Amino acid sequence: MSTLWIRNPLAVLTPEGADARGGIVVRDGAIAELLPAGASPAASCDAVFDAARHVVLPGLVNAHHHFYQTLTRACPPALDKALFAWLQALYPIWAGLTPEHIAVSTRLALAELLLSGCTTASDHHYVFPAGLEEAIDIQIAEAAQLGMRVVLTRGSMSLSVEDGGLPPAAVVQDAETILDDSRRLIERFHQRGPGAMVQVALAPCSPFSVREELMVETARLAREQGVRLHTHLGETRDETAFCLETMGARPVDYLERVGWLSADVWLAHGIHFNAGEIERLGAAGVGVCHCPCSNMILSSGLCPTLELEAAGAPLGLGVDGSASNDGSNLMQEVRQAFLLQRLRYGADRVSHLDALRWATSGSARCLGRDDIGVVAPGKQADLALFTLDEPRFCAAGDPLAALVLCGAHHADRVMVAGRWVVEDGRIPGLDLPRLMEDHRRLSRTLTAAF
């Protein structure tokens, strides 16, 4: 076992403000000790990292993303549109995705997340045109190359526009194909227990793109295999109208009807719920991932974060798709959540600590993880270290508050499972300029006809 002392940090975000001014001892991929000011490790360490310039956070946890959408940022056909029209503009473009598109877009999205201090990412990939059957396999390989922890969801769409849904036939699959591949991915890749680097969840896309029977069968398979469930819900008023018209039920009633009102489920967006629905979601322990930038760009609405948390729902944070954000920077998303929710509730009800909690332990709870998202002994050594050396931080009094209020966006050091994956603001071994050029080239091949 190797032991590292991250010594004398400027500040550390710890549970209930526990004193860690003396530093953090990391042993064999986990946090072994938190040292109060002036203390030294109980045993000798193999290495010491001087963190006197660094503010230390738990590694940020991104609870909802669409990696492939990095290829269609600020895409002209989709500009200035609400969700349904935005999707209809982009579905034909995404129908052209190839394995190379998936590999490079995943690599870029993960790199951007890592550099923002994110150590665990959940992706929701639901577009499977012909030839892209192993998209999730490709994502898993890319995450392993970068050393990032992932919870990848096998998304699905089975209700095409010809059958009353929203997506075109080219990007939907039949239920048998979806369920068979879901089982394959779980049996091949899903890791269980603390420290898991790769986990699989099942994620039918949305009420307007999935048949009701697939929702039921997916839940049955997930519970048989012991994995979590994820979907978009409560994102727009158009979605609510669609559910009422085609299913005769509001989205939360539909969720209960298909057996998804349960603590093994987390939802993306969760905006348009009434008070009674919020109470039902909280009582069931359904998690909600807040996606503020995407919700603002698409003008979808404001997530009722404080009501959901008060009701008992785990509340996390996600960057959502890079075609509706249009970025993959989770630290910037923290600041956006802080600003948006403070505007909603008032300056005395939402603090920087709330926004940081949503992006760490809150997102971890959405993913069903209690081994990440917290700096505490026994937890995984997933850490994000930021410096306050830029002009934007000059004269900041509270280092933790400064990260949010002054707009931190680039981590200096990032650790996953006790291993540095970002050093001095760079990802070792990654040729980022070459990756960006490949990404631009592939984006042009995808969007040229549109």
Protein backbone atom coordinates (compact mmCIF):
# COMPACT_ATOMS: atom_id res chain seq x y z
CA MET A 1 0.00 0.00 0.00
CA SER A 2 1.24 3.50 -0.85
CA THR A 3 0.47 6.46 1.38
CA LEU A 4 0.28 10.14 0.36
CA TRP A 5 -0.06 13.13 2.67
CA ILE A 6 -1.83 16.09 1.04
CA ARG A 7 -0.39 18.56 3.53
CA ASN A 8 -1.76 21.83 4.94
CA PRO A 9 -4.40 22.77 2.33
CA LEU A 10 -5.78 26.27 2.19
CA ALA A 11 -9.29 24.86 2.88
CA VAL A 12 -11.15 21.54 2.63
CA LEU A 13 -14.88 20.93 2.15
CA THR A 14 -15.61 18.33 4.83
CA PRO A 15 -18.81 16.98 6.40
CA GLU A 16 -20.07 19.34 9.11
CA GLY A 17 -16.92 21.43 8.80
CA ALA A 18 -14.57 18.83 10.25
CA ASP A 19 -11.05 20.24 10.71
CA ALA A 20 -8.72 19.06 7.94
CA ARG A 21 -6.33 22.01 7.91
CA GLY A 22 -3.44 19.64 8.61
CA GLY A 23 -4.29 17.70 5.49
CA ILE A 24 -5.61 14.46 4.08
CA VAL A 25 -3.86 11.10 4.21
CA VAL A 26 -4.59 8.84 1.23
CA ARG A 27 -3.79 5.15 1.46
CA ASP A 28 -4.46 2.47 -1.17
CA GLY A 29 -6.97 4.58 -3.07
CA ALA A 30 -9.03 5.67 -0.07
CA ILE A 31 -8.97 8.46 2.51
CA ALA A 32 -7.27 7.16 5.64
CA GLU A 33 -7.12 10.26 7.86
CA LEU A 34 -8.22 13.86 8.11
CA LEU A 35 -5.64 15.83 10.09
CA PRO A 36 -6.54 18.89 12.14
CA ALA A 37 -4.29 21.94 12.03
CA GLY A 38 -0.79 21.16 13.27
CA ALA A 39 -1.24 17.38 13.26
CA SER A 40 0.88 14.81 11.42
CA PRO A 41 -0.05 11.40 9.99
CA ALA A 42 -0.17 8.46 12.38
CA ALA A 43 2.41 6.58 10.28
CA SER A 44 5.09 7.51 7.80
CA CYS A 45 4.03 8.43 4.27
CA ASP A 46 5.60 7.45 0.97
CA ALA A 47 5.02 10.90 -0.51
CA VAL A 48 3.91 14.39 0.49
CA PHE A 49 2.07 16.94 -1.66
CA ASP A 50 2.21 20.52 -0.39
CA ALA A 51 -1.34 21.86 -0.79
CA ALA A 52 -0.80 25.26 0.83
CA ARG A 53 -2.10 26.97 -2.35
CA HIS A 54 -5.05 24.63 -2.84
CA VAL A 55 -8.71 24.47 -1.88
CA VAL A 56 -9.76 20.82 -1.73
CA LEU A 57 -13.21 19.56 -2.68
CA PRO A 58 -14.60 16.05 -2.93
CA GLY A 59 -14.36 15.09 -6.60
CA LEU A 60 -17.42 16.56 -8.29
CA VAL A 61 -20.06 14.06 -9.45
CA ASN A 62 -21.91 14.72 -12.71
CA ALA A 63 -25.28 12.95 -12.48
CA HIS A 64 -26.53 13.57 -16.04
CA HIS A 65 -24.81 14.13 -19.38
CA HIS A 66 -24.90 13.24 -23.09
CA PHE A 67 -21.27 12.96 -24.18
CA TYR A 68 -22.01 12.64 -27.90
CA GLN A 69 -23.64 16.06 -27.92
CA THR A 70 -20.25 17.77 -27.67
CA LEU A 71 -20.24 17.34 -31.47
CA THR A 72 -23.26 19.61 -31.95
CA ARG A 73 -22.59 22.61 -29.74
CA ALA A 74 -24.16 25.90 -30.80
CA CYS A 75 -25.57 24.02 -33.79
CA PRO A 76 -27.33 26.50 -36.13
CA PRO A 77 -30.41 24.36 -36.95
CA ALA A 78 -31.14 24.01 -33.22
CA LEU A 79 -30.57 27.57 -32.02
CA ASP A 80 -33.34 29.51 -30.27
CA LYS A 81 -35.68 26.54 -29.96
CA ALA A 82 -37.50 24.94 -27.04
CA LEU A 83 -36.94 21.26 -26.24
CA PHE A 84 -39.27 19.48 -28.70
CA ALA A 85 -38.29 21.62 -31.71
CA TRP A 86 -34.65 21.48 -30.61
CA LEU A 87 -34.73 17.66 -30.56
CA GLN A 88 -36.47 17.46 -33.93
CA ALA A 89 -33.72 19.63 -35.42
CA LEU A 90 -30.94 17.45 -33.98
CA TYR A 91 -32.28 13.88 -34.31
CA PRO A 92 -31.44 13.70 -38.06
CA ILE A 93 -27.89 14.88 -37.34
CA TRP A 94 -27.39 12.38 -34.50
CA ALA A 95 -28.63 9.60 -36.79
CA GLY A 96 -25.24 9.89 -38.52
CA LEU A 97 -23.18 9.01 -35.43
CA THR A 98 -20.43 6.40 -35.95
CA PRO A 99 -18.15 4.56 -33.50
CA GLU A 100 -15.41 7.14 -34.15
CA HIS A 101 -17.81 9.96 -33.29
CA ILE A 102 -18.64 8.25 -30.00
CA ALA A 103 -15.00 7.59 -29.08
CA VAL A 104 -13.79 11.13 -29.72
CA SER A 105 -16.82 12.93 -28.28
CA THR A 106 -16.62 10.79 -25.13
CA ARG A 107 -12.89 11.49 -24.77
CA LEU A 108 -13.44 15.24 -25.13
CA ALA A 109 -16.40 15.34 -22.73
CA LEU A 110 -14.53 13.36 -20.08
CA ALA A 111 -11.42 15.52 -20.48
CA GLU A 112 -13.48 18.68 -20.07
CA LEU A 113 -15.18 17.24 -16.98
CA LEU A 114 -11.88 16.14 -15.42
CA LEU A 115 -10.34 19.57 -15.93
CA SER A 116 -13.33 21.12 -14.15
CA GLY A 117 -12.79 18.94 -11.06
CA CYS A 118 -15.26 16.16 -11.90
CA THR A 119 -14.16 12.64 -10.94
CA THR A 120 -17.35 10.64 -11.57
CA ALA A 121 -19.64 11.08 -14.56
CA SER A 122 -22.93 9.51 -15.53
CA ASP A 123 -23.74 9.56 -19.22
CA HIS A 124 -27.15 8.96 -20.79
CA HIS A 125 -26.59 7.60 -24.30
CA TYR A 126 -29.86 6.75 -26.03
CA VAL A 127 -29.17 7.16 -29.79
CA PHE A 128 -28.33 3.83 -31.47
CA PRO A 129 -28.48 4.11 -35.27
CA ALA A 130 -27.31 1.09 -37.27
CA GLY A 131 -23.60 0.44 -36.72
CA LEU A 132 -23.53 2.00 -33.25
CA GLU A 133 -24.58 -1.06 -31.27
CA GLU A 134 -21.45 -0.96 -29.06
CA ALA A 135 -21.56 2.72 -28.13
CA ILE A 136 -21.46 1.99 -24.38
CA ASP A 137 -18.51 -0.39 -24.80
CA ILE A 138 -16.63 2.44 -26.51
CA GLN A 139 -17.44 4.87 -23.69
CA ILE A 140 -16.19 2.41 -21.07
CA ALA A 141 -12.87 2.02 -22.90
CA GLU A 142 -12.44 5.79 -23.15
CA ALA A 143 -13.13 6.31 -19.43
CA ALA A 144 -10.58 3.64 -18.55
CA GLN A 145 -7.92 5.42 -20.63
CA LEU A 146 -8.46 8.64 -18.66
CA GLY A 147 -8.83 6.94 -15.28
CA MET A 148 -12.26 8.41 -14.62
CA ARG A 149 -15.05 6.82 -12.60
CA VAL A 150 -18.29 6.38 -14.61
CA VAL A 151 -21.90 5.31 -14.23
CA LEU A 152 -22.96 4.77 -17.85
CA THR A 153 -26.61 4.33 -18.64
CA ARG A 154 -27.86 2.15 -21.47
CA GLY A 155 -30.42 4.56 -22.84
CA SER A 156 -33.15 3.62 -25.29
CA MET A 157 -35.85 4.95 -27.58
CA SER A 158 -38.58 2.69 -28.97
CA LEU A 159 -41.41 5.08 -29.91
CA SER A 160 -40.79 6.74 -33.28
CA VAL A 161 -42.64 9.65 -34.82
CA GLU A 162 -44.53 7.17 -37.02
CA ASP A 163 -45.97 5.61 -33.84
CA GLY A 164 -46.84 8.86 -32.09
CA GLY A 165 -43.47 9.66 -30.51
CA LEU A 166 -40.90 12.35 -31.28
CA PRO A 167 -37.73 10.67 -32.71
CA PRO A 168 -37.42 9.40 -36.30
CA ALA A 169 -37.35 5.68 -37.00
CA ALA A 170 -33.60 5.74 -37.79
CA VAL A 171 -32.67 6.23 -34.11
CA VAL A 172 -35.12 3.90 -32.32
CA GLN A 173 -34.79 0.19 -31.54
CA ASP A 174 -37.20 -2.60 -30.71
CA ALA A 175 -37.66 -3.71 -27.11
CA GLU A 176 -35.97 -7.11 -27.54
CA THR A 177 -32.80 -5.53 -28.92
CA ILE A 178 -32.73 -2.96 -26.12
CA LEU A 179 -33.28 -5.45 -23.30
CA ASP A 180 -30.79 -8.00 -24.68
CA ASP A 181 -28.09 -5.37 -24.96
CA SER A 182 -28.91 -4.00 -21.52
CA ARG A 183 -28.41 -7.45 -20.00
CA ARG A 184 -25.16 -7.93 -21.93
CA LEU A 185 -23.70 -4.65 -20.70
CA ILE A 186 -24.61 -5.32 -17.08
CA GLU A 187 -23.19 -8.83 -17.09
CA ARG A 188 -19.98 -7.76 -18.84
CA PHE A 189 -19.15 -4.42 -17.24
CA HIS A 190 -21.13 -3.58 -14.09
CA GLN A 191 -18.99 -3.50 -10.94
CA ARG A 192 -20.49 -3.70 -7.48
CA GLY A 193 -19.46 -2.43 -4.08
CA PRO A 194 -17.34 0.47 -2.84
CA GLY A 195 -14.70 1.73 -5.23
CA ALA A 196 -16.44 0.55 -8.41
CA MET A 197 -14.93 2.33 -11.41
CA VAL A 198 -17.59 1.28 -13.95
CA GLN A 199 -21.27 0.84 -13.28
CA VAL A 200 -24.19 0.39 -15.66
CA ALA A 201 -27.72 1.74 -15.23
CA LEU A 202 -30.74 1.43 -17.52
CA ALA A 203 -32.29 4.57 -18.95
CA PRO A 204 -35.26 4.68 -21.33
CA CYS A 205 -35.05 8.21 -22.66
CA SER A 206 -38.37 9.98 -22.02
CA PRO A 207 -42.15 9.55 -22.08
CA PHE A 208 -42.30 10.90 -25.64
CA SER A 209 -39.73 8.44 -27.05
CA VAL A 210 -40.36 5.15 -25.21
CA ARG A 211 -43.26 2.71 -25.22
CA GLU A 212 -44.90 2.08 -21.86
CA GLU A 213 -44.18 -1.66 -21.95
CA LEU A 214 -40.45 -0.95 -22.35
CA MET A 215 -40.50 1.13 -19.16
CA VAL A 216 -42.07 -1.81 -17.32
CA GLU A 217 -39.70 -4.43 -18.74
CA THR A 218 -36.63 -2.26 -18.18
CA ALA A 219 -37.55 -1.83 -14.50
CA ARG A 220 -38.03 -5.57 -14.16
CA LEU A 221 -34.59 -6.26 -15.69
CA ALA A 222 -32.87 -3.58 -13.60
CA ARG A 223 -34.22 -5.01 -10.36
CA GLU A 224 -33.39 -8.55 -11.39
CA GLN A 225 -29.80 -7.41 -12.03
CA GLY A 226 -29.54 -4.98 -9.09
CA VAL A 227 -28.82 -1.82 -11.11
CA ARG A 228 -30.34 1.65 -11.06
CA LEU A 229 -32.87 3.34 -13.35
CA HIS A 230 -32.72 6.75 -14.97
CA THR A 231 -34.88 8.85 -17.32
CA HIS A 232 -35.83 12.40 -18.25
CA LEU A 233 -39.00 13.54 -16.49
CA GLY A 234 -40.78 16.77 -15.67
CA GLU A 235 -38.57 18.77 -18.03
CA THR A 236 -41.13 20.84 -19.95
CA ARG A 237 -44.82 21.70 -20.04
CA ASP A 238 -44.93 20.11 -23.51
CA GLU A 239 -43.94 16.80 -21.92
CA THR A 240 -46.75 17.11 -19.38
CA ALA A 241 -49.24 17.82 -22.16
CA PHE A 242 -47.94 14.83 -24.15
CA CYS A 243 -48.37 12.52 -21.14
CA LEU A 244 -51.90 13.74 -20.48
CA GLU A 245 -52.90 13.40 -24.13
CA THR A 246 -51.33 10.02 -24.92
CA MET A 247 -51.25 8.27 -21.53
CA GLY A 248 -54.06 9.92 -19.65
CA ALA A 249 -51.75 10.74 -16.77
CA ARG A 250 -49.35 13.39 -15.53
CA PRO A 251 -45.66 12.39 -15.63
CA VAL A 252 -45.39 11.37 -11.96
CA ASP A 253 -48.60 9.32 -12.18
CA TYR A 254 -47.14 7.63 -15.27
CA LEU A 255 -43.89 7.01 -13.39
CA GLU A 256 -45.83 5.23 -10.64
CA ARG A 257 -47.92 3.27 -13.14
CA VAL A 258 -44.83 1.75 -14.77
CA GLY A 259 -43.23 0.86 -11.43
CA TRP A 260 -40.61 3.61 -11.32
CA LEU A 261 -41.66 5.51 -8.20
CA SER A 262 -38.81 4.02 -6.20
CA ALA A 263 -35.50 4.81 -4.48
CA ASP A 264 -33.50 3.02 -7.20
CA VAL A 265 -34.52 5.73 -9.70
CA TRP A 266 -33.09 9.15 -10.44
CA LEU A 267 -34.57 11.66 -12.87
CA ALA A 268 -33.04 14.34 -15.04
CA HIS A 269 -34.50 17.87 -14.74
CA GLY A 270 -37.55 17.43 -12.48
CA ILE A 271 -38.99 20.88 -13.06
CA HIS A 272 -42.75 20.67 -13.57
CA PHE A 273 -44.02 18.89 -10.47
CA ASN A 274 -46.81 20.15 -8.23
CA ALA A 275 -46.58 20.10 -4.43
CA GLY A 276 -48.26 16.72 -4.07
CA GLU A 277 -46.00 15.15 -6.68
CA ILE A 278 -42.91 16.52 -4.93
CA GLU A 279 -44.05 14.90 -1.70
CA ARG A 280 -44.61 11.56 -3.45
CA LEU A 281 -41.18 11.68 -5.11
CA GLY A 282 -39.52 12.50 -1.81
CA ALA A 283 -41.38 9.81 0.13
CA ALA A 284 -40.30 7.24 -2.46
CA GLY A 285 -36.67 8.45 -2.40
CA VAL A 286 -36.57 9.24 -6.14
CA GLY A 287 -33.49 11.35 -6.94
CA VAL A 288 -33.52 14.42 -9.17
CA CYS A 289 -30.58 15.82 -11.13
CA HIS A 290 -30.78 19.59 -11.54
CA CYS A 291 -29.41 20.85 -14.89
CA PRO A 292 -29.52 24.66 -14.61
CA CYS A 293 -27.64 25.76 -17.74
CA SER A 294 -29.59 23.47 -20.05
CA ASN A 295 -32.88 24.44 -18.44
CA MET A 296 -32.08 28.12 -18.95
CA ILE A 297 -30.88 27.81 -22.56
CA LEU A 298 -33.95 25.79 -23.59
CA SER A 299 -36.17 27.94 -21.36
CA SER A 300 -37.58 24.80 -19.75
CA GLY A 301 -38.14 26.21 -16.26
CA LEU A 302 -36.67 26.16 -12.74
CA CYS A 303 -36.17 22.99 -10.71
CA PRO A 304 -37.79 23.22 -7.23
CA THR A 305 -34.58 22.13 -5.51
CA LEU A 306 -35.34 23.10 -1.91
CA GLU A 307 -38.82 21.59 -1.95
CA LEU A 308 -37.49 18.33 -3.39
CA GLU A 309 -34.76 18.10 -0.76
CA ALA A 310 -37.17 18.97 2.04
CA ALA A 311 -39.48 16.18 0.85
CA GLY A 312 -36.61 13.67 1.01
CA ALA A 313 -35.53 13.43 -2.63
CA PRO A 314 -31.76 13.21 -3.25
CA LEU A 315 -30.82 16.31 -5.25
CA GLY A 316 -27.82 16.23 -7.58
CA LEU A 317 -26.29 18.32 -10.33
CA GLY A 318 -25.52 17.62 -13.99
CA VAL A 319 -24.24 19.52 -17.00
CA ASP A 320 -26.74 17.74 -19.30
CA GLY A 321 -25.96 17.59 -23.00
CA SER A 322 -23.27 19.75 -24.51
CA ALA A 323 -25.75 20.69 -27.23
CA SER A 324 -28.05 22.34 -24.71
CA ASN A 325 -25.56 23.59 -22.11
CA ASP A 326 -23.28 24.04 -24.30
CA GLY A 327 -20.39 22.83 -22.15
CA SER A 328 -19.18 20.02 -19.91
CA ASN A 329 -17.74 22.08 -17.05
CA LEU A 330 -19.28 20.93 -13.78
CA MET A 331 -17.62 23.61 -11.65
CA GLN A 332 -19.25 26.28 -13.78
CA GLU A 333 -22.54 24.42 -13.36
CA VAL A 334 -22.14 24.71 -9.58
CA ARG A 335 -22.00 28.50 -9.85
CA GLN A 336 -24.98 28.56 -12.23
CA ALA A 337 -27.05 26.43 -9.85
CA PHE A 338 -26.09 28.72 -6.97
CA LEU A 339 -27.11 31.86 -8.88
CA LEU A 340 -30.32 30.47 -10.34
CA GLN A 341 -31.59 28.95 -7.11
CA ARG A 342 -30.63 32.01 -5.07
CA LEU A 343 -32.68 34.10 -7.50
CA ARG A 344 -35.59 31.70 -6.98
CA TYR A 345 -35.46 31.40 -3.19
CA GLY A 346 -33.54 34.40 -1.85
CA ALA A 347 -30.03 35.18 -0.65
CA ASP A 348 -30.61 33.79 2.84
CA ARG A 349 -31.88 30.34 1.71
CA VAL A 350 -29.26 29.14 -0.80
CA SER A 351 -25.55 29.26 -0.01
CA HIS A 352 -22.39 28.23 -1.85
CA LEU A 353 -22.33 25.15 0.38
CA ASP A 354 -25.74 24.06 -0.94
CA ALA A 355 -24.51 24.23 -4.54
CA LEU A 356 -21.31 22.35 -3.68
CA ARG A 357 -23.34 19.70 -1.84
CA TRP A 358 -25.57 19.15 -4.88
CA ALA A 359 -22.50 18.55 -7.06
CA THR A 360 -20.84 16.14 -4.63
CA SER A 361 -22.74 14.10 -2.05
CA GLY A 362 -26.13 14.93 -3.61
CA SER A 363 -25.16 13.62 -7.03
CA ALA A 364 -23.52 10.60 -5.41
CA ARG A 365 -26.81 9.79 -3.69
CA CYS A 366 -28.63 10.03 -7.02
CA LEU A 367 -26.23 7.41 -8.37
CA GLY A 368 -26.73 5.19 -5.32
CA ARG A 369 -23.15 5.75 -4.11
CA ASP A 370 -22.07 6.46 -0.55
CA ASP A 371 -18.35 5.88 -1.16
CA ILE A 372 -17.76 9.08 -3.16
CA GLY A 373 -18.75 12.74 -2.96
CA VAL A 374 -17.43 13.26 0.59
CA VAL A 375 -13.99 13.96 2.06
CA ALA A 376 -14.01 11.62 5.06
CA PRO A 377 -12.03 8.61 6.31
CA GLY A 378 -13.03 5.41 4.53
CA LYS A 379 -14.35 7.17 1.44
CA GLN A 380 -12.73 6.92 -1.97
CA ALA A 381 -9.81 9.29 -2.53
CA ASP A 382 -11.55 11.27 -5.29
CA LEU A 383 -10.44 14.88 -4.83
CA ALA A 384 -10.46 18.14 -6.80
CA LEU A 385 -7.85 20.77 -5.92
CA PHE A 386 -8.26 24.38 -7.05
CA THR A 387 -5.88 27.31 -6.66
CA LEU A 388 -6.92 30.90 -6.05
CA ASP A 389 -4.09 32.43 -8.08
CA GLU A 390 -6.15 34.14 -10.81
CA PRO A 391 -7.14 37.83 -10.64
CA ARG A 392 -10.77 36.82 -10.20
CA PHE A 393 -9.98 35.45 -6.71
CA CYS A 394 -7.76 38.29 -5.52
CA ALA A 395 -8.56 39.33 -1.91
CA ALA A 396 -11.27 36.67 -1.50
CA GLY A 397 -11.89 36.11 2.21
CA ASP A 398 -13.53 32.66 2.31
CA PRO A 399 -11.71 30.18 0.06
CA LEU A 400 -14.66 27.78 -0.33
CA ALA A 401 -17.11 30.58 -1.05
CA ALA A 402 -14.62 32.09 -3.49
CA LEU A 403 -14.69 28.98 -5.69
CA VAL A 404 -18.41 29.51 -6.30
CA LEU A 405 -18.85 33.28 -6.07
CA CYS A 406 -15.72 34.20 -8.02
CA GLY A 407 -16.20 31.54 -10.69
CA ALA A 408 -13.65 28.74 -10.40
CA HIS A 409 -13.66 26.73 -13.62
CA HIS A 410 -10.35 24.87 -13.97
CA ALA A 411 -8.87 22.45 -11.42
CA ASP A 412 -5.12 22.42 -10.82
CA ARG A 413 -5.06 18.83 -9.55
CA VAL A 414 -7.59 16.01 -9.67
CA MET A 415 -7.34 12.60 -8.02
CA VAL A 416 -9.43 9.50 -8.70
CA ALA A 417 -9.06 6.44 -6.44
CA GLY A 418 -5.81 7.82 -5.05
CA ARG A 419 -4.20 8.46 -8.43
CA TRP A 420 -3.52 11.88 -9.94
CA VAL A 421 -5.38 12.18 -13.25
CA VAL A 422 -4.89 15.94 -13.60
CA GLU A 423 -1.55 17.52 -12.71
CA ASP A 424 -0.78 21.23 -12.97
CA GLY A 425 -3.98 21.76 -14.93
CA ARG A 426 -3.19 19.10 -17.53
CA ILE A 427 -4.21 15.48 -18.13
CA PRO A 428 -1.00 13.43 -18.28
CA GLY A 429 -0.60 11.59 -21.57
CA LEU A 430 -3.47 13.36 -23.34
CA ASP A 431 -2.64 15.37 -26.46
CA LEU A 432 -5.46 17.87 -25.99
CA PRO A 433 -4.77 19.98 -29.14
CA ARG A 434 -4.84 16.81 -31.26
CA LEU A 435 -8.04 15.66 -29.58
CA MET A 436 -9.69 19.00 -30.25
CA GLU A 437 -8.68 18.93 -33.91
CA ASP A 438 -10.07 15.38 -34.32
CA HIS A 439 -13.25 16.49 -32.58
CA ARG A 440 -13.70 19.49 -34.86
CA ARG A 441 -13.12 17.33 -37.94
CA LEU A 442 -15.71 14.76 -36.86
CA SER A 443 -18.22 17.45 -35.97
CA ARG A 444 -17.93 18.82 -39.51
CA THR A 445 -18.58 15.37 -40.99
CA LEU A 446 -21.68 15.04 -38.86
CA THR A 447 -23.21 18.45 -39.45
CA ALA A 448 -22.06 19.29 -43.02
CA ALA A 449 -25.38 18.33 -44.64
CA PHE A 450 -27.40 20.46 -42.22
